Amino acid sequence: MALLETTKQYLRIDGTGEDAQITMLISAAEAYLTNAGIVKVETNTLYCLAVQMLVSHWYDNRGDIIAGTVSKMMEYGLNPIIAQLKFTPIVEVV
């Protein structure tokens, strides 16, 4: 299943009205992970989860974010995933 479709399921979004916005957020999340030293592997479930977490956070928090609230909570989940993706061999799930 395409990353757009699985991300829409993760966000619980039906229809195509938000596809352009979500596609842009997916691209931004992939760029964020690339800049963090992560190799793009769409078949790796941890990679997909990291993209979905970033997209969900950015989609839900389009306004100002109060430091120490939502962003800190997401950081605790995302940082361990990024560390694992950086320092473990790539495992593709088919």
C-alpha atoms as a PDB file:
ATOM      1  CA  MET A   1       0.000   0.000   0.000  1.00  0.00           C
ATOM      2  CA  ALA A   2       1.280   3.474  -0.858  1.00  0.00           C
ATOM      3  CA  LEU A   3       2.631   5.711   1.888  1.00  0.00           C
ATOM      4  CA  LEU A   4      -0.092   8.291   1.180  1.00  0.00           C
ATOM      5  CA  GLU A   5      -2.837   5.740   1.777  1.00  0.00           C
ATOM      6  CA  THR A   6      -1.309   4.292   4.945  1.00  0.00           C
ATOM      7  CA  THR A   7      -0.670   7.799   6.279  1.00  0.00           C
ATOM      8  CA  LYS A   8      -4.292   8.770   5.626  1.00  0.00           C
ATOM      9  CA  GLN A   9      -5.358   5.666   7.547  1.00  0.00           C
ATOM     10  CA  TYR A  10      -2.991   6.652  10.387  1.00  0.00           C
ATOM     11  CA  LEU A  11      -4.556  10.130  10.405  1.00  0.00           C
ATOM     12  CA  ARG A  12      -8.064   8.657  10.061  1.00  0.00           C
ATOM     13  CA  ILE A  13      -8.805  10.727   6.959  1.00  0.00           C
ATOM     14  CA  ASP A  14     -11.229   9.578   4.269  1.00  0.00           C
ATOM     15  CA  GLY A  15     -11.558  11.047   0.804  1.00  0.00           C
ATOM     16  CA  THR A  16      -9.056  12.939  -1.292  1.00  0.00           C
ATOM     17  CA  GLY A  17      -9.623  16.533  -0.177  1.00  0.00           C
ATOM     18  CA  GLU A  18      -6.457  16.641   1.936  1.00  0.00           C
ATOM     19  CA  ASP A  19      -4.222  14.581  -0.379  1.00  0.00           C
ATOM     20  CA  ALA A  20      -2.128  17.525  -1.612  1.00  0.00           C
ATOM     21  CA  GLN A  21      -1.463  18.727   1.947  1.00  0.00           C
ATOM     22  CA  ILE A  22      -0.649  15.234   3.225  1.00  0.00           C
ATOM     23  CA  THR A  23       1.605  14.505   0.229  1.00  0.00           C
ATOM     24  CA  MET A  24       3.530  17.725   0.937  1.00  0.00           C
ATOM     25  CA  LEU A  25       3.858  16.767   4.622  1.00  0.00           C
ATOM     26  CA  ILE A  26       5.086  13.276   3.654  1.00  0.00           C
ATOM     27  CA  SER A  27       7.760  14.841   1.432  1.00  0.00           C
ATOM     28  CA  ALA A  28       8.787  17.170   4.268  1.00  0.00           C
ATOM     29  CA  ALA A  29       8.935  14.252   6.727  1.00  0.00           C
ATOM     30  CA  GLU A  30      11.082  12.224   4.328  1.00  0.00           C
ATOM     31  CA  ALA A  31      13.411  15.213   3.904  1.00  0.00           C
ATOM     32  CA  TYR A  32      13.575  15.599   7.692  1.00  0.00           C
ATOM     33  CA  LEU A  33      14.573  11.954   8.080  1.00  0.00           C
ATOM     34  CA  THR A  34      17.099  12.184   5.241  1.00  0.00           C
ATOM     35  CA  ASN A  35      18.664  15.211   6.924  1.00  0.00           C
ATOM     36  CA  ALA A  36      18.809  13.167  10.148  1.00  0.00           C
ATOM     37  CA  GLY A  37      20.882  10.553   8.300  1.00  0.00           C
ATOM     38  CA  ILE A  38      18.098   8.037   7.645  1.00  0.00           C
ATOM     39  CA  VAL A  39      17.992   6.073   4.375  1.00  0.00           C
ATOM     40  CA  LYS A  40      14.548   6.100   2.747  1.00  0.00           C
ATOM     41  CA  VAL A  41      13.111   2.581   2.742  1.00  0.00           C
ATOM     42  CA  GLU A  42       9.328   2.676   2.340  1.00  0.00           C
ATOM     43  CA  THR A  43       9.069  -1.037   3.095  1.00  0.00           C
ATOM     44  CA  ASN A  44      10.648  -0.577   6.554  1.00  0.00           C
ATOM     45  CA  THR A  45       7.856  -0.306   9.105  1.00  0.00           C
ATOM     46  CA  LEU A  46       9.896   1.903  11.474  1.00  0.00           C
ATOM     47  CA  TYR A  47      10.630   4.314   8.623  1.00  0.00           C
ATOM     48  CA  CYS A  48       6.943   4.486   7.726  1.00  0.00           C
ATOM     49  CA  LEU A  49       5.983   5.004  11.372  1.00  0.00           C
ATOM     50  CA  ALA A  50       8.492   7.859  11.709  1.00  0.00           C
ATOM     51  CA  VAL A  51       7.051   9.523   8.589  1.00  0.00           C
ATOM     52  CA  GLN A  52       3.502   9.049   9.872  1.00  0.00           C
ATOM     53  CA  MET A  53       4.377  10.439  13.313  1.00  0.00           C
ATOM     54  CA  LEU A  54       5.920  13.543  11.779  1.00  0.00           C
ATOM     55  CA  VAL A  55       3.031  14.037   9.358  1.00  0.00           C
ATOM     56  CA  SER A  56       0.472  13.545  12.127  1.00  0.00           C
ATOM     57  CA  HIS A  57       2.238  16.029  14.383  1.00  0.00           C
ATOM     58  CA  TRP A  58       2.575  18.665  11.670  1.00  0.00           C
ATOM     59  CA  TYR A  59      -0.981  18.080  10.396  1.00  0.00           C
ATOM     60  CA  ASP A  60      -2.538  18.373  13.855  1.00  0.00           C
ATOM     61  CA  ASN A  61      -0.390  21.332  14.957  1.00  0.00           C
ATOM     62  CA  ARG A  62      -0.510  23.760  12.060  1.00  0.00           C
ATOM     63  CA  GLY A  63      -0.582  26.730  14.409  1.00  0.00           C
ATOM     64  CA  ASP A  64       1.789  27.798  17.129  1.00  0.00           C
ATOM     65  CA  ILE A  65       3.156  25.092  19.416  1.00  0.00           C
ATOM     66  CA  ILE A  66       3.767  25.743  23.070  1.00  0.00           C
ATOM     67  CA  ALA A  67       7.243  24.464  23.898  1.00  0.00           C
ATOM     68  CA  GLY A  68       7.203  21.520  26.268  1.00  0.00           C
ATOM     69  CA  THR A  69       3.765  20.176  25.376  1.00  0.00           C
ATOM     70  CA  VAL A  70       2.894  18.256  22.231  1.00  0.00           C
ATOM     71  CA  SER A  71       6.304  18.659  20.615  1.00  0.00           C
ATOM     72  CA  LYS A  72       8.112  17.193  23.642  1.00  0.00           C
ATOM     73  CA  MET A  73       5.704  14.250  23.791  1.00  0.00           C
ATOM     74  CA  MET A  74       6.292  13.402  20.132  1.00  0.00           C
ATOM     75  CA  GLU A  75      10.051  13.830  20.516  1.00  0.00           C
ATOM     76  CA  TYR A  76      10.179  10.953  23.012  1.00  0.00           C
ATOM     77  CA  GLY A  77       8.571   8.606  20.506  1.00  0.00           C
ATOM     78  CA  LEU A  78      10.387   9.784  17.391  1.00  0.00           C
ATOM     79  CA  ASN A  79      13.969  10.027  18.680  1.00  0.00           C
ATOM     80  CA  PRO A  80      14.272   6.322  19.587  1.00  0.00           C
ATOM     81  CA  ILE A  81      12.902   5.366  16.160  1.00  0.00           C
ATOM     82  CA  ILE A  82      15.430   7.620  14.407  1.00  0.00           C
ATOM     83  CA  ALA A  83      18.243   6.140  16.514  1.00  0.00           C
ATOM     84  CA  GLN A  84      17.200   2.598  15.601  1.00  0.00           C
ATOM     85  CA  LEU A  85      16.924   3.461  11.916  1.00  0.00           C
ATOM     86  CA  LYS A  86      20.395   5.033  11.989  1.00  0.00           C
ATOM     87  CA  PHE A  87      22.232   2.291  13.827  1.00  0.00           C
ATOM     88  CA  THR A  88      20.602  -0.981  12.810  1.00  0.00           C
ATOM     89  CA  PRO A  89      20.764  -2.799   9.496  1.00  0.00           C
ATOM     90  CA  ILE A  90      17.933  -2.033   7.081  1.00  0.00           C
ATOM     91  CA  VAL A  91      15.249  -4.681   7.382  1.00  0.00           C
ATOM     92  CA  GLU A  92      12.687  -4.611   4.627  1.00  0.00           C
ATOM     93  CA  VAL A  93       9.249  -6.029   5.340  1.00  0.00           C
ATOM     94  CA  VAL A  94       7.352  -7.235   2.292  1.00  0.00           C
END
